[in-house]
């Protein structure tokens, strides 16, 4: 499964779920609030901007936002919301594509760094963020914590969400640090829809080392966008890395 094949026109058309899921106010609101605070009066660059879930409301808050995105269909969906002048987008891989100018904030939300399937690509992504930042600028990553403690010996999958009409489960390849997320959606009929996406999971300590290799320092780490404490029980984290000021 190549990323270009996953994020195709069909996926782009059904990606947005206004008011629910990752678009729910209680999820999106704190995300935009925190990013707007970190951007301040400066410009922001979103890696893997997608359909503009975060970028559009952030731009509405007065932040100058630019994006990098691999999927043209996702950008076409974004263009139904805002034009190129409002949110410019560079088509390309977030590990290597370059946007013009310098930014005070680069951000990568909702586990998307794990879409890069090798450690080398993930390290490249940090270097690419550093390349775009002004001295003292910040790189923000939202990422889940691998739930390997839930796996007894011999079991290779976890169900991480279950509700009427939806089951989400992950299957693990421990040797390569790979996981495939399976999203099953169904109704009262015998038909179901399956969407799958591959990822390379990253432990927080490994993420911090990637940051150091690119010249970043860890500034803060919280368990969510609201700023709750990151603990051994946290299922995800929001980590803020900073380029040292000159």
Foldseek 3Di string as FASTA:
>chain_A
DAPQVQCALVCLVPVDDDCDDCNNCVNQVLVLVLVCVQQPAKAEEEEQCFLPSNPVVNLVVVHQYEYEHQYPSRVVNNCVPPHCVSYPYHHDHLLDDADPAATQEYEYEDAVLQLPQAPVSSLSNLLRNLVRYDAFGKYKYKHFADPCVVDDPPDFKDFPDDDVQWTWMWGADVVSQKIKIWIWGDHPDPDIDIRIGMGRHDHPVRNQVSNVVNQKHWDDKDLGSVRHHDDPPRGMIMTMITHHHD
